[in-house]
């Protein structure tokens, strides 16, 4: 009886606190958010909008939970690593990372929104 009671308490603790089972779902949703922001950036093709879309993708993904925040960080870091290897400047990469962190930490992506960008984005 004590073993059964201990198992029930353990299950309740895991269910309410850890929520480990939701991490992969959040990560997949966060990856989708990042992909959507990238596609929107390409579609908009708006001058000086890069930082806005970086912040927005990270913000949307991080709102999903720990898994989304993890996915946003992984995708952002991978993208910047590739950009640096392709010869893009370190200053531009660091500016992108500032926007990435801003969004991931819950900052309003509109902080980076360029003038005239259609409301659709």
C-alpha atoms as a PDB file:
ATOM      1  CA  UNK A   1       0.000   0.000   0.000  1.00  0.00           C
ATOM      2  CA  UNK A   2       2.830   2.401   0.861  1.00  0.00           C
ATOM      3  CA  UNK A   3       4.532   1.628  -2.438  1.00  0.00           C
ATOM      4  CA  UNK A   4       1.327   2.357  -4.350  1.00  0.00           C
ATOM      5  CA  UNK A   5       0.867   5.651  -2.504  1.00  0.00           C
ATOM      6  CA  UNK A   6       4.501   6.620  -3.164  1.00  0.00           C
ATOM      7  CA  UNK A   7       4.062   5.839  -6.875  1.00  0.00           C
ATOM      8  CA  UNK A   8       0.921   7.979  -7.076  1.00  0.00           C
ATOM      9  CA  UNK A   9       2.664  10.907  -5.372  1.00  0.00           C
ATOM     10  CA  UNK A  10       5.656  10.566  -7.693  1.00  0.00           C
ATOM     11  CA  UNK A  11       3.423  10.540 -10.752  1.00  0.00           C
ATOM     12  CA  UNK A  12       1.585  13.644  -9.549  1.00  0.00           C
ATOM     13  CA  UNK A  13       4.862  15.469  -8.935  1.00  0.00           C
ATOM     14  CA  UNK A  14       6.188  14.571 -12.380  1.00  0.00           C
ATOM     15  CA  UNK A  15       2.917  15.502 -14.084  1.00  0.00           C
ATOM     16  CA  UNK A  16       2.606  18.900 -12.431  1.00  0.00           C
ATOM     17  CA  UNK A  17       6.222  20.043 -12.303  1.00  0.00           C
ATOM     18  CA  UNK A  18       8.426  18.448 -14.912  1.00  0.00           C
ATOM     19  CA  UNK A  19       6.051  18.225 -17.885  1.00  0.00           C
ATOM     20  CA  UNK A  20       8.900  16.566 -19.766  1.00  0.00           C
ATOM     21  CA  UNK A  21       6.425  15.089 -22.210  1.00  0.00           C
ATOM     22  CA  UNK A  22       5.535  18.509 -23.666  1.00  0.00           C
ATOM     23  CA  UNK A  23       9.127  19.530 -24.472  1.00  0.00           C
ATOM     24  CA  UNK A  24       9.341  17.748 -27.866  1.00  0.00           C
ATOM     25  CA  UNK A  25       5.977  19.143 -28.960  1.00  0.00           C
ATOM     26  CA  UNK A  26       6.990  22.667 -27.921  1.00  0.00           C
ATOM     27  CA  UNK A  27      10.310  22.258 -29.741  1.00  0.00           C
ATOM     28  CA  UNK A  28       8.557  21.201 -32.952  1.00  0.00           C
ATOM     29  CA  UNK A  29       6.103  24.091 -32.689  1.00  0.00           C
ATOM     30  CA  UNK A  30       8.973  26.478 -31.989  1.00  0.00           C
ATOM     31  CA  UNK A  31      10.850  25.227 -35.042  1.00  0.00           C
ATOM     32  CA  UNK A  32       7.714  25.880 -37.086  1.00  0.00           C
ATOM     33  CA  UNK A  33       7.525  29.425 -35.677  1.00  0.00           C
ATOM     34  CA  UNK A  34      11.123  30.039 -36.691  1.00  0.00           C
ATOM     35  CA  UNK A  35      10.475  28.691 -40.194  1.00  0.00           C
ATOM     36  CA  UNK A  36       7.356  30.866 -40.546  1.00  0.00           C
ATOM     37  CA  UNK A  37       9.296  34.004 -39.559  1.00  0.00           C
ATOM     38  CA  UNK A  38      12.019  33.122 -42.073  1.00  0.00           C
ATOM     39  CA  UNK A  39       9.466  32.612 -44.844  1.00  0.00           C
ATOM     40  CA  UNK A  40       7.740  35.877 -43.958  1.00  0.00           C
ATOM     41  CA  UNK A  41      11.083  37.685 -44.084  1.00  0.00           C
ATOM     42  CA  UNK A  42      11.777  36.296 -47.547  1.00  0.00           C
ATOM     43  CA  UNK A  43       8.268  37.101 -48.745  1.00  0.00           C
ATOM     44  CA  UNK A  44       8.256  40.639 -47.338  1.00  0.00           C
ATOM     45  CA  UNK A  45      11.685  41.394 -48.816  1.00  0.00           C
ATOM     46  CA  UNK A  46      11.619  44.650 -46.822  1.00  0.00           C
ATOM     47  CA  UNK A  47      14.688  46.780 -46.283  1.00  0.00           C
ATOM     48  CA  UNK A  48      16.062  46.706 -42.698  1.00  0.00           C
ATOM     49  CA  UNK A  49      13.529  44.102 -41.551  1.00  0.00           C
ATOM     50  CA  UNK A  50      16.020  41.323 -40.758  1.00  0.00           C
ATOM     51  CA  UNK A  51      16.293  42.082 -37.028  1.00  0.00           C
ATOM     52  CA  UNK A  52      12.500  42.303 -36.674  1.00  0.00           C
ATOM     53  CA  UNK A  53      11.990  38.839 -38.142  1.00  0.00           C
ATOM     54  CA  UNK A  54      14.796  37.429 -35.991  1.00  0.00           C
ATOM     55  CA  UNK A  55      13.154  38.817 -32.874  1.00  0.00           C
ATOM     56  CA  UNK A  56       9.667  37.748 -33.958  1.00  0.00           C
ATOM     57  CA  UNK A  57      10.659  34.154 -34.728  1.00  0.00           C
ATOM     58  CA  UNK A  58      12.454  33.805 -31.399  1.00  0.00           C
ATOM     59  CA  UNK A  59       9.615  35.472 -29.509  1.00  0.00           C
ATOM     60  CA  UNK A  60       6.928  33.257 -31.052  1.00  0.00           C
ATOM     61  CA  UNK A  61       8.958  30.096 -30.475  1.00  0.00           C
ATOM     62  CA  UNK A  62       9.820  30.976 -26.868  1.00  0.00           C
ATOM     63  CA  UNK A  63       6.141  31.576 -26.093  1.00  0.00           C
ATOM     64  CA  UNK A  64       5.601  27.841 -26.677  1.00  0.00           C
ATOM     65  CA  UNK A  65       7.547  26.963 -23.526  1.00  0.00           C
ATOM     66  CA  UNK A  66      10.937  25.508 -22.712  1.00  0.00           C
ATOM     67  CA  UNK A  67      11.014  23.351 -25.839  1.00  0.00           C
ATOM     68  CA  UNK A  68      10.222  26.296 -28.093  1.00  0.00           C
ATOM     69  CA  UNK A  69      12.841  28.452 -26.424  1.00  0.00           C
ATOM     70  CA  UNK A  70      15.400  25.672 -26.891  1.00  0.00           C
ATOM     71  CA  UNK A  71      14.493  25.302 -30.579  1.00  0.00           C
ATOM     72  CA  UNK A  72      14.771  29.069 -31.104  1.00  0.00           C
ATOM     73  CA  UNK A  73      18.234  29.126 -29.565  1.00  0.00           C
ATOM     74  CA  UNK A  74      19.454  26.124 -31.556  1.00  0.00           C
ATOM     75  CA  UNK A  75      18.124  27.440 -34.877  1.00  0.00           C
ATOM     76  CA  UNK A  76      19.367  30.972 -34.251  1.00  0.00           C
ATOM     77  CA  UNK A  77      22.854  29.857 -33.294  1.00  0.00           C
ATOM     78  CA  UNK A  78      23.065  27.451 -36.238  1.00  0.00           C
ATOM     79  CA  UNK A  79      21.969  30.128 -38.689  1.00  0.00           C
ATOM     80  CA  UNK A  80      24.489  32.645 -37.399  1.00  0.00           C
ATOM     81  CA  UNK A  81      27.257  30.048 -37.436  1.00  0.00           C
ATOM     82  CA  UNK A  82      26.515  29.271 -41.089  1.00  0.00           C
ATOM     83  CA  UNK A  83      26.334  32.987 -41.945  1.00  0.00           C
ATOM     84  CA  UNK A  84      29.747  33.581 -40.376  1.00  0.00           C
ATOM     85  CA  UNK A  85      31.254  30.619 -42.253  1.00  0.00           C
ATOM     86  CA  UNK A  86      29.874  32.049 -45.508  1.00  0.00           C
ATOM     87  CA  UNK A  87      31.773  35.262 -44.877  1.00  0.00           C
ATOM     88  CA  UNK A  88      29.136  37.568 -43.442  1.00  0.00           C
ATOM     89  CA  UNK A  89      30.507  40.033 -40.934  1.00  0.00           C
ATOM     90  CA  UNK A  90      30.802  39.319 -37.236  1.00  0.00           C
ATOM     91  CA  UNK A  91      29.153  42.657 -36.419  1.00  0.00           C
ATOM     92  CA  UNK A  92      26.048  41.718 -38.423  1.00  0.00           C
ATOM     93  CA  UNK A  93      25.959  38.319 -36.764  1.00  0.00           C
ATOM     94  CA  UNK A  94      26.180  39.864 -33.300  1.00  0.00           C
ATOM     95  CA  UNK A  95      23.399  42.336 -34.151  1.00  0.00           C
ATOM     96  CA  UNK A  96      21.246  39.409 -35.259  1.00  0.00           C
ATOM     97  CA  UNK A  97      22.011  37.597 -32.012  1.00  0.00           C
ATOM     98  CA  UNK A  98      20.952  40.659 -30.020  1.00  0.00           C
ATOM     99  CA  UNK A  99      17.580  40.554 -31.800  1.00  0.00           C
ATOM    100  CA  UNK A 100      17.392  36.781 -31.263  1.00  0.00           C
ATOM    101  CA  UNK A 101      17.995  37.087 -27.518  1.00  0.00           C
ATOM    102  CA  UNK A 102      15.577  40.033 -27.281  1.00  0.00           C
ATOM    103  CA  UNK A 103      12.762  37.944 -28.730  1.00  0.00           C
ATOM    104  CA  UNK A 104      13.638  34.788 -26.801  1.00  0.00           C
ATOM    105  CA  UNK A 105      13.601  36.671 -23.513  1.00  0.00           C
ATOM    106  CA  UNK A 106      10.120  38.043 -24.196  1.00  0.00           C
ATOM    107  CA  UNK A 107      11.009  41.456 -25.618  1.00  0.00           C
ATOM    108  CA  UNK A 108       8.506  42.959 -28.050  1.00  0.00           C
ATOM    109  CA  UNK A 109       9.668  42.200 -31.616  1.00  0.00           C
ATOM    110  CA  UNK A 110       8.172  45.520 -32.755  1.00  0.00           C
ATOM    111  CA  UNK A 111      11.186  47.175 -31.128  1.00  0.00           C
ATOM    112  CA  UNK A 112      13.044  46.191 -34.326  1.00  0.00           C
ATOM    113  CA  UNK A 113      10.143  46.766 -36.741  1.00  0.00           C
ATOM    114  CA  UNK A 114      11.144  48.955 -39.696  1.00  0.00           C
ATOM    115  CA  UNK A 115       8.945  51.834 -40.822  1.00  0.00           C
ATOM    116  CA  UNK A 116       6.363  50.908 -43.412  1.00  0.00           C
ATOM    117  CA  UNK A 117       6.512  47.126 -42.969  1.00  0.00           C
ATOM    118  CA  UNK A 118       2.982  45.912 -43.814  1.00  0.00           C
ATOM    119  CA  UNK A 119       0.794  45.061 -40.821  1.00  0.00           C
ATOM    120  CA  UNK A 120       0.440  41.537 -42.162  1.00  0.00           C
ATOM    121  CA  UNK A 121       3.865  40.820 -40.663  1.00  0.00           C
END
